[in-house]
Amino acid sequence: MRTNLCIALICLAAFGMFCTEHQGAPVNIIYDTDMASDVDDVGTLALLHALADLGEAEILAAMVSSQNEYVVPCLNAINTYYGRPDIPIGSVKDGVEAESRYTKAVAESYPHTIQSSSDVPDAAELYRKILANQPDGSVVIVSVGFLTNLSNLLHTEPDRYSNLDGIDLVMKKVKVWVCMGGHFPQGREYNIHTDAAASLIAVENWPTPIVFSGYEIGKKIMTGERLKGTPESNPVRTAYFHFNGLSNRESWDQTAALYAVRGLRDYWDVGTGGHLYINQDGSNEWRTTEEAQHSYLIEKMAPADLEKIIEDLMLKPPKG
């Protein structure tokens, strides 16, 4: 594994270009989720489908970082509801097991074609397949769960999809990784500390810019209650119903996805000029350093205004 100052300078320049408002072609997104223990992952998937319907994003694939046999069928059911049943899905094969209040209910209530999380390929392998077929520097990865899949991707060797190893393939194909993770300027956050070893490997060795949406960003943005006004045929509504009775929930994951597609706009400011360091126990701290390939979102727009933007997208019915 390697990083150096030269890579850091290139990454900083690339990040600067990414921060401008997205225009023109849709943003090519790979969505990496631990959709099981919390429900904001579901709200985020709804948001991404809405942005895809608006022509702002193209969902290339979805990766699952938690082990639960109903997660992939649940995800596939939601994709089917939004008219995209064929989005490729990969799943971790040796990762964190997660209980869920809603994945089984969604999977058993809505049409889907994938019957078990065991039925899809390993996420690291699917990453390689998807990345190898995309233009250079074109893919935005947004992770809203454990970093197991991304650590595994970096460890991959050349294969039938690419003669590049994992680090070089990422460096060639990925524009930026947007991570819902960390607590700024320091703290201990669930996505990072749950698989701390994978988080340390992924964050320390990732060769392109990383932008973090920390715990403090989504904590103040409450969404989900307005799903009561959507049809019962909506699996997103059903997920929130089984999770918390259609009450509001913090919008940690949605913030990362919204930034991944739309950039800063007037939603956030950004902290740069440093590096997120992860300790062995999964806690983190922001340090100023010359290796400035990391950045993090800073609150700018009032949380109530962002709530409306995010929830409007979550509530948007499928196109057509």
Protein backbone atom coordinates (compact mmCIF):
# COMPACT_ATOMS: atom_id res chain seq x y z
CA MET A 1 0.00 0.00 0.00
CA ARG A 2 1.34 3.44 -0.79
CA THR A 3 0.61 7.14 -0.66
CA ASN A 4 2.89 10.06 -1.34
CA LEU A 5 2.90 13.82 -1.56
CA CYS A 6 2.68 13.80 -5.35
CA ILE A 7 -0.56 11.81 -5.21
CA ALA A 8 -1.86 14.15 -2.53
CA LEU A 9 -1.31 17.23 -4.71
CA ILE A 10 -3.04 15.60 -7.66
CA CYS A 11 -5.92 14.61 -5.41
CA LEU A 12 -6.30 18.12 -4.05
CA ALA A 13 -6.52 19.53 -7.56
CA ALA A 14 -9.15 16.96 -8.50
CA PHE A 15 -11.13 17.76 -5.36
CA GLY A 16 -11.14 21.43 -6.26
CA MET A 17 -12.74 20.65 -9.60
CA PHE A 18 -15.33 18.40 -7.94
CA CYS A 19 -16.50 21.07 -5.49
CA THR A 20 -18.08 23.13 -8.23
CA GLU A 21 -21.75 22.57 -8.99
CA HIS A 22 -22.35 19.56 -11.20
CA GLN A 23 -23.64 20.37 -14.66
CA GLY A 24 -24.19 18.42 -17.84
CA ALA A 25 -23.80 14.65 -17.79
CA PRO A 26 -25.18 12.59 -14.89
CA VAL A 27 -22.76 11.70 -12.09
CA ASN A 28 -21.74 8.04 -12.25
CA ILE A 29 -22.46 6.68 -8.76
CA ILE A 30 -21.58 3.45 -7.00
CA TYR A 31 -23.57 3.21 -3.76
CA ASP A 32 -21.96 1.24 -0.88
CA THR A 33 -24.38 0.63 2.00
CA ASP A 34 -24.81 -1.38 5.19
CA MET A 35 -28.60 -1.27 4.73
CA ALA A 36 -29.80 -3.20 7.77
CA SER A 37 -29.31 -1.72 11.23
CA ASP A 38 -30.44 1.81 10.34
CA VAL A 39 -33.00 3.12 7.87
CA ASP A 40 -31.33 6.25 6.51
CA ASP A 41 -29.66 3.92 3.98
CA VAL A 42 -33.12 3.34 2.51
CA GLY A 43 -33.87 7.06 2.42
CA THR A 44 -30.57 7.56 0.66
CA LEU A 45 -31.37 4.98 -2.00
CA ALA A 46 -34.69 6.74 -2.62
CA LEU A 47 -32.84 10.04 -2.92
CA LEU A 48 -30.40 8.58 -5.44
CA HIS A 49 -33.23 7.18 -7.56
CA ALA A 50 -34.92 10.59 -7.52
CA LEU A 51 -31.69 12.24 -8.66
CA ALA A 52 -31.36 9.60 -11.37
CA ASP A 53 -34.93 10.34 -12.52
CA LEU A 54 -33.97 14.03 -12.69
CA GLY A 55 -31.02 13.18 -14.93
CA GLU A 56 -28.46 14.19 -12.32
CA ALA A 57 -27.10 10.73 -11.49
CA GLU A 58 -26.64 7.29 -12.95
CA ILE A 59 -26.51 4.44 -10.43
CA LEU A 60 -23.89 2.06 -11.77
CA ALA A 61 -24.10 -0.49 -8.96
CA ALA A 62 -24.94 -0.99 -5.30
CA MET A 63 -22.61 -2.73 -2.84
CA VAL A 64 -23.63 -4.13 0.54
CA SER A 65 -21.15 -4.00 3.42
CA SER A 66 -23.26 -5.82 6.06
CA GLN A 67 -24.09 -9.51 6.27
CA ASN A 68 -27.83 -10.16 6.41
CA GLU A 69 -29.56 -12.45 3.96
CA TYR A 70 -32.46 -10.03 3.44
CA VAL A 71 -30.44 -6.89 2.69
CA VAL A 72 -29.86 -7.59 -1.00
CA PRO A 73 -33.48 -8.69 -1.67
CA CYS A 74 -34.65 -5.53 0.13
CA LEU A 75 -32.33 -3.36 -1.93
CA ASN A 76 -33.37 -5.14 -5.13
CA ALA A 77 -37.05 -4.61 -4.25
CA ILE A 78 -36.50 -0.87 -3.83
CA ASN A 79 -34.59 -0.70 -7.12
CA THR A 80 -37.45 -2.57 -8.79
CA TYR A 81 -40.01 -0.14 -7.38
CA TYR A 82 -38.07 2.74 -8.92
CA GLY A 83 -37.90 1.02 -12.30
CA ARG A 84 -34.27 -0.07 -12.12
CA PRO A 85 -34.41 -3.79 -11.24
CA ASP A 86 -31.21 -4.59 -13.10
CA ILE A 87 -28.80 -2.41 -11.11
CA PRO A 88 -25.92 -4.79 -10.31
CA ILE A 89 -25.55 -5.62 -6.62
CA GLY A 90 -22.54 -7.04 -4.81
CA SER A 91 -22.21 -8.03 -1.18
CA VAL A 92 -19.46 -8.61 1.35
CA LYS A 93 -18.88 -12.30 1.97
CA ASP A 94 -16.97 -12.10 5.25
CA GLY A 95 -18.10 -9.02 7.09
CA VAL A 96 -20.09 -7.60 9.96
CA GLU A 97 -23.37 -9.40 10.66
CA ALA A 98 -26.26 -6.98 11.15
CA GLU A 99 -29.77 -7.38 12.50
CA SER A 100 -32.57 -5.40 10.84
CA ARG A 101 -36.10 -4.34 11.71
CA TYR A 102 -37.20 -3.88 8.10
CA THR A 103 -35.21 -5.75 5.44
CA LYS A 104 -37.22 -8.97 5.71
CA ALA A 105 -40.54 -7.10 5.69
CA VAL A 106 -39.62 -5.17 2.55
CA ALA A 107 -38.22 -8.24 0.80
CA GLU A 108 -41.35 -10.27 1.55
CA SER A 109 -43.77 -7.51 0.52
CA TYR A 110 -42.48 -6.20 -2.81
CA PRO A 111 -41.42 -7.72 -6.15
CA HIS A 112 -37.76 -8.56 -6.56
CA THR A 113 -35.64 -11.08 -8.44
CA ILE A 114 -32.74 -11.69 -6.03
CA GLN A 115 -33.76 -14.07 -3.26
CA SER A 116 -30.79 -13.88 -0.89
CA SER A 117 -27.67 -11.82 -0.25
CA SER A 118 -25.69 -15.00 -0.89
CA ASP A 119 -26.91 -14.99 -4.50
CA VAL A 120 -24.87 -11.97 -5.62
CA PRO A 121 -21.12 -11.70 -6.31
CA ASP A 122 -18.56 -10.50 -3.84
CA ALA A 123 -18.61 -6.71 -3.75
CA ALA A 124 -14.88 -6.33 -4.37
CA GLU A 125 -15.15 -8.42 -7.54
CA LEU A 126 -18.16 -6.43 -8.76
CA TYR A 127 -16.31 -3.18 -8.03
CA ARG A 128 -13.53 -4.34 -10.33
CA LYS A 129 -15.96 -5.30 -13.09
CA ILE A 130 -17.86 -2.00 -12.93
CA LEU A 131 -14.79 0.23 -12.61
CA ALA A 132 -12.93 -1.45 -15.45
CA ASN A 133 -15.77 -0.60 -17.84
CA GLN A 134 -16.02 3.09 -16.95
CA PRO A 135 -14.10 6.05 -18.42
CA ASP A 136 -11.03 7.12 -16.51
CA GLY A 137 -11.66 9.44 -13.57
CA SER A 138 -15.43 9.27 -13.97
CA VAL A 139 -16.79 7.30 -11.01
CA VAL A 140 -17.98 8.73 -7.69
CA ILE A 141 -18.22 6.21 -4.87
CA VAL A 142 -20.52 7.12 -2.00
CA SER A 143 -20.24 4.88 1.07
CA VAL A 144 -22.74 5.09 3.91
CA GLY A 145 -21.78 1.99 5.86
CA PHE A 146 -18.78 -0.08 6.88
CA LEU A 147 -15.61 0.31 4.82
CA THR A 148 -15.04 -3.44 4.46
CA ASN A 149 -15.73 -3.57 0.71
CA LEU A 150 -13.43 -0.65 -0.04
CA SER A 151 -10.60 -2.17 1.99
CA ASN A 152 -11.12 -5.46 0.14
CA LEU A 153 -11.11 -3.64 -3.20
CA LEU A 154 -7.72 -2.08 -2.49
CA HIS A 155 -6.31 -5.56 -1.79
CA THR A 156 -7.48 -7.07 -5.09
CA GLU A 157 -5.04 -8.36 -7.69
CA PRO A 158 -5.21 -8.15 -11.51
CA ASP A 159 -7.92 -10.37 -12.95
CA ARG A 160 -10.10 -10.92 -16.04
CA TYR A 161 -11.57 -7.44 -15.69
CA SER A 162 -8.35 -5.43 -15.45
CA ASN A 163 -4.61 -5.95 -15.41
CA LEU A 164 -4.36 -3.33 -12.63
CA ASP A 165 -4.32 -4.09 -8.92
CA GLY A 166 -6.96 -2.57 -6.68
CA ILE A 167 -5.13 0.65 -5.81
CA ASP A 168 -4.16 1.40 -9.40
CA LEU A 169 -7.65 0.59 -10.68
CA VAL A 170 -9.18 2.99 -8.17
CA MET A 171 -6.62 5.65 -9.01
CA LYS A 172 -7.41 5.35 -12.71
CA LYS A 173 -11.22 5.17 -12.58
CA VAL A 174 -12.47 6.91 -9.43
CA LYS A 175 -12.92 10.67 -9.30
CA VAL A 176 -13.72 10.95 -5.59
CA TRP A 177 -14.89 8.83 -2.69
CA VAL A 178 -17.60 10.46 -0.57
CA CYS A 179 -17.80 8.80 2.83
CA MET A 180 -20.47 9.15 5.48
CA GLY A 181 -18.11 8.53 8.33
CA GLY A 182 -16.10 10.13 11.06
CA HIS A 183 -16.84 12.80 13.63
CA PHE A 184 -15.13 16.16 13.14
CA PRO A 185 -12.83 17.43 14.44
CA GLN A 186 -12.59 14.25 16.49
CA GLY A 187 -14.76 11.50 17.89
CA ARG A 188 -15.91 7.92 17.36
CA GLU A 189 -18.49 7.21 14.69
CA TYR A 190 -20.36 3.97 13.94
CA ASN A 191 -19.42 3.40 10.29
CA ILE A 192 -15.73 3.89 11.03
CA HIS A 193 -15.34 2.02 14.30
CA THR A 194 -17.53 -1.02 13.58
CA ASP A 195 -14.90 -2.51 11.25
CA ALA A 196 -12.01 -0.37 12.45
CA ALA A 197 -9.33 -2.47 10.76
CA ALA A 198 -10.96 -2.10 7.34
CA SER A 199 -11.55 1.61 7.93
CA LEU A 200 -7.90 2.18 8.75
CA ILE A 201 -6.75 0.37 5.60
CA ALA A 202 -9.26 2.05 3.30
CA VAL A 203 -8.78 5.61 4.53
CA GLU A 204 -4.99 5.47 4.82
CA ASN A 205 -4.41 3.91 1.41
CA TRP A 206 -7.12 5.37 -0.80
CA PRO A 207 -5.38 7.02 -3.78
CA THR A 208 -8.01 9.62 -4.80
CA PRO A 209 -9.68 12.45 -2.85
CA ILE A 210 -12.00 11.53 0.02
CA VAL A 211 -14.73 13.88 1.21
CA PHE A 212 -16.29 13.01 4.57
CA SER A 213 -19.79 13.86 5.70
CA GLY A 214 -19.34 13.50 9.44
CA TYR A 215 -21.73 12.48 12.19
CA GLU A 216 -22.31 16.11 13.10
CA ILE A 217 -23.64 16.98 9.62
CA GLY A 218 -26.58 14.58 9.41
CA LYS A 219 -27.44 14.61 13.10
CA LYS A 220 -29.41 17.87 12.84
CA ILE A 221 -31.30 16.97 9.64
CA MET A 222 -34.44 14.99 10.47
CA THR A 223 -36.41 13.27 7.70
CA GLY A 224 -38.86 10.43 7.19
CA GLU A 225 -42.13 11.48 8.84
CA ARG A 226 -43.55 12.88 5.61
CA LEU A 227 -43.43 9.36 4.15
CA LYS A 228 -46.79 8.91 5.92
CA GLY A 229 -48.30 10.74 2.95
CA THR A 230 -46.93 8.31 0.36
CA PRO A 231 -48.76 5.17 -0.86
CA GLU A 232 -48.40 1.90 1.05
CA SER A 233 -47.03 0.48 -2.20
CA ASN A 234 -43.84 2.47 -1.48
CA PRO A 235 -41.18 0.16 0.03
CA VAL A 236 -39.33 3.15 1.46
CA ARG A 237 -42.42 3.97 3.50
CA THR A 238 -42.59 0.36 4.65
CA ALA A 239 -38.93 0.36 5.75
CA TYR A 240 -39.42 3.48 7.85
CA PHE A 241 -42.68 2.09 9.25
CA HIS A 242 -40.98 -1.06 10.53
CA PHE A 243 -37.93 0.83 11.75
CA ASN A 244 -39.54 3.59 13.79
CA GLY A 245 -43.25 3.85 12.97
CA LEU A 246 -42.70 6.53 10.31
CA SER A 247 -41.09 8.98 12.71
CA ASN A 248 -38.28 11.29 11.72
CA ARG A 249 -34.74 9.92 11.70
CA GLU A 250 -31.36 11.59 11.42
CA SER A 251 -30.19 11.96 7.79
CA TRP A 252 -26.55 11.00 8.02
CA ASP A 253 -26.40 8.97 4.82
CA GLN A 254 -28.53 11.25 2.67
CA THR A 255 -26.10 14.14 3.15
CA ALA A 256 -23.23 12.14 1.70
CA ALA A 257 -25.24 11.09 -1.36
CA LEU A 258 -26.59 14.58 -1.97
CA TYR A 259 -23.06 15.98 -1.92
CA ALA A 260 -21.81 13.14 -4.12
CA VAL A 261 -24.23 14.16 -6.87
CA ARG A 262 -24.65 17.93 -6.45
CA GLY A 263 -21.42 19.03 -4.81
CA LEU A 264 -21.27 21.88 -2.29
CA ARG A 265 -23.75 24.32 -3.89
CA ASP A 266 -24.94 26.52 -1.04
CA TYR A 267 -25.60 23.49 1.15
CA TRP A 268 -22.19 23.20 2.83
CA ASP A 269 -18.75 24.66 3.26
CA VAL A 270 -15.72 22.39 3.27
CA GLY A 271 -12.73 21.88 5.51
CA THR A 272 -9.49 21.10 3.67
CA GLY A 273 -5.75 20.99 4.27
CA GLY A 274 -5.71 17.91 6.42
CA HIS A 275 -6.09 14.18 6.87
CA LEU A 276 -8.53 12.01 8.83
CA TYR A 277 -6.49 9.78 11.11
CA ILE A 278 -8.12 6.63 12.46
CA ASN A 279 -6.94 5.04 15.68
CA GLN A 280 -6.91 1.32 16.45
CA ASP A 281 -10.18 1.57 18.40
CA GLY A 282 -11.92 3.22 15.44
CA SER A 283 -11.94 6.71 16.88
CA ASN A 284 -10.79 9.50 14.56
CA GLU A 285 -9.17 12.92 14.59
CA TRP A 286 -8.58 15.57 11.95
CA ARG A 287 -4.96 16.67 11.58
CA THR A 288 -3.54 19.43 9.45
CA THR A 289 -0.93 17.96 7.12
CA GLU A 290 0.74 18.43 3.75
CA GLU A 291 -0.92 15.18 2.64
CA ALA A 292 -4.14 17.08 2.07
CA GLN A 293 -6.18 14.57 0.07
CA HIS A 294 -8.99 14.53 2.62
CA SER A 295 -11.79 17.05 3.17
CA TYR A 296 -14.96 17.23 5.24
CA LEU A 297 -18.31 18.99 5.00
CA ILE A 298 -19.10 21.93 7.27
CA GLU A 299 -22.63 23.12 8.01
CA LYS A 300 -23.74 26.15 5.97
CA MET A 301 -27.41 25.93 5.02
CA ALA A 302 -29.86 25.78 7.92
CA PRO A 303 -30.71 22.14 8.76
CA ALA A 304 -34.45 22.81 8.32
CA ASP A 305 -33.85 23.94 4.74
CA LEU A 306 -31.75 20.89 3.95
CA GLU A 307 -34.43 18.69 5.50
CA LYS A 308 -36.91 19.88 2.90
CA ILE A 309 -34.49 19.40 0.00
CA ILE A 310 -33.60 15.88 1.12
CA GLU A 311 -37.11 14.78 2.04
CA ASP A 312 -38.61 16.17 -1.17
CA LEU A 313 -36.23 13.87 -3.06
CA MET A 314 -37.02 10.92 -0.77
CA LEU A 315 -40.75 11.39 -1.43
CA LYS A 316 -40.47 11.78 -5.19
CA PRO A 317 -42.48 8.97 -6.86
CA PRO A 318 -40.83 6.78 -9.48
CA LYS A 319 -40.52 8.35 -12.90
CA GLY A 320 -43.45 7.42 -15.11
